[in-house]
Structure formats: C-alpha cells, structure tokens
Amino acid sequence: MLMKIDKILVEETIQEHILRHGIRREELENALLEGKPKVIGRKDNRYKVITHYNRHITVIFDYEQYNIAIVKTAYPSDDSQIRRYKKK
C-alpha cells in the first residue's frame, strides 16, 4: 500500500522514548519520508510500518487526514521484521 506522508508529528515524550531506542528525530523523518515504508499492520487509522533509510526501523503511527503521521513509537527492527520487509 502506498501512502503519502507530508508531515510527521512527534510529541516530546514520544521523542524522548524513541531516542532511548537510539532513533533520532532526523533518522525517523528520513526513514518515513525518503525510505520505502511497508505496511505490516493496520487497525483503523493506526499503522505499523517497517522502513529503511540507513537501517531498518519499525514505526507505529496514526495516519490522519492531510497526510499527517502522528508517531506513537519507533524502534530498530528485529531480524524477523527485516526478513518480512525484504520479502514484500
């Protein structure tokens, strides 16, 4: 599924949380905007994607109107997620 993301919103507490996973805001934005996100799960407007820019990361976000992604969490993808990403 192709999805267009024009804007990424990350609350300060979420940003602190993903930083503990070793993911900087810049890396998150590059991965979602310039990488090739692949949807691996969806419930209503909440998406779970694996994407790759410099490394594979998994991102969970709400996809709102006007192509806005509101990030809930992000973390480095594990081996099984990377295999799934490469398979699709």
Protein backbone atom coordinates (compact mmCIF):
# COMPACT_ATOMS: atom_id res chain seq x y z
CA MET A 1 0.00 0.00 0.00
CA LEU A 2 1.33 3.39 -0.94
CA MET A 3 0.77 6.18 1.49
CA LYS A 4 1.80 9.77 1.20
CA ILE A 5 3.20 11.41 4.31
CA ASP A 6 3.63 15.17 4.17
CA LYS A 7 4.09 15.94 7.85
CA ILE A 8 5.35 13.99 10.85
CA LEU A 9 4.30 14.93 14.37
CA VAL A 10 6.10 13.56 17.43
CA GLU A 11 5.14 14.61 20.96
CA GLU A 12 8.07 15.50 23.19
CA THR A 13 7.52 12.49 25.49
CA ILE A 14 7.39 10.15 22.48
CA GLN A 15 10.53 11.73 21.05
CA GLU A 16 12.35 11.09 24.34
CA HIS A 17 11.11 7.48 24.31
CA ILE A 18 12.29 6.72 20.77
CA LEU A 19 15.62 8.39 21.50
CA ARG A 20 16.10 5.75 24.21
CA HIS A 21 15.75 3.20 21.39
CA GLY A 22 18.59 5.01 19.62
CA ILE A 23 16.45 6.70 16.97
CA ARG A 24 16.89 10.41 16.40
CA ARG A 25 14.11 12.59 15.01
CA GLU A 26 16.10 13.21 11.82
CA GLU A 27 16.51 9.47 11.21
CA LEU A 28 12.78 8.92 11.79
CA GLU A 29 11.83 11.65 9.33
CA ASN A 30 14.28 10.44 6.68
CA ALA A 31 13.06 6.87 7.04
CA LEU A 32 9.38 7.80 6.66
CA LEU A 33 9.77 10.49 4.01
CA GLU A 34 12.67 9.18 1.93
CA GLY A 35 12.72 5.47 2.77
CA LYS A 36 10.27 2.91 1.46
CA PRO A 37 7.82 2.24 4.30
CA LYS A 38 5.96 -1.05 4.02
CA VAL A 39 2.78 -1.55 6.00
CA ILE A 40 2.85 -4.72 8.08
CA GLY A 41 -0.18 -3.97 10.21
CA ARG A 42 -3.17 -1.69 10.32
CA LYS A 43 -6.14 -1.15 12.57
CA ASP A 44 -8.38 1.77 11.71
CA ASN A 45 -6.02 4.72 11.22
CA ARG A 46 -3.10 3.22 13.21
CA TYR A 47 -0.30 1.80 11.06
CA LYS A 48 2.73 -0.33 11.78
CA VAL A 49 5.39 0.02 9.13
CA ILE A 50 8.92 -1.14 8.57
CA THR A 51 11.08 1.28 6.67
CA HIS A 52 14.69 1.61 5.67
CA TYR A 53 16.94 4.61 5.30
CA ASN A 54 20.33 3.90 6.88
CA ARG A 55 18.93 0.95 8.81
CA HIS A 56 15.60 -0.78 9.25
CA ILE A 57 13.25 0.73 11.78
CA THR A 58 9.70 -0.10 12.79
CA VAL A 59 7.32 2.81 13.31
CA ILE A 60 3.80 2.85 14.70
CA PHE A 61 1.78 5.95 13.93
CA ASP A 62 -1.71 7.29 13.45
CA TYR A 63 -2.33 8.42 9.88
CA GLU A 64 -4.58 11.46 9.90
CA GLN A 65 -6.19 13.48 7.16
CA TYR A 66 -3.96 15.82 5.19
CA ASN A 67 -1.25 13.09 5.11
CA ILE A 68 -0.08 13.62 8.69
CA ALA A 69 1.68 10.84 10.61
CA ILE A 70 1.43 11.14 14.39
CA VAL A 71 4.18 8.88 15.71
CA LYS A 72 3.38 6.70 18.71
CA THR A 73 6.67 4.78 18.86
CA ALA A 74 9.67 3.76 16.77
CA TYR A 75 12.41 1.23 17.36
CA PRO A 76 15.09 -0.70 15.46
CA SER A 77 13.54 -3.59 13.54
CA ASP A 78 14.43 -7.09 14.69
CA ASP A 79 15.67 -9.81 12.33
CA SER A 80 12.22 -11.26 11.67
CA GLN A 81 10.84 -7.83 10.79
CA ILE A 82 13.76 -7.18 8.43
CA ARG A 83 13.14 -10.51 6.68
CA ARG A 84 9.47 -9.58 6.34
CA TYR A 85 10.41 -6.19 4.88
CA LYS A 86 12.72 -7.76 2.32
CA LYS A 87 10.11 -10.36 1.35
CA LYS A 88 7.35 -7.91 0.37
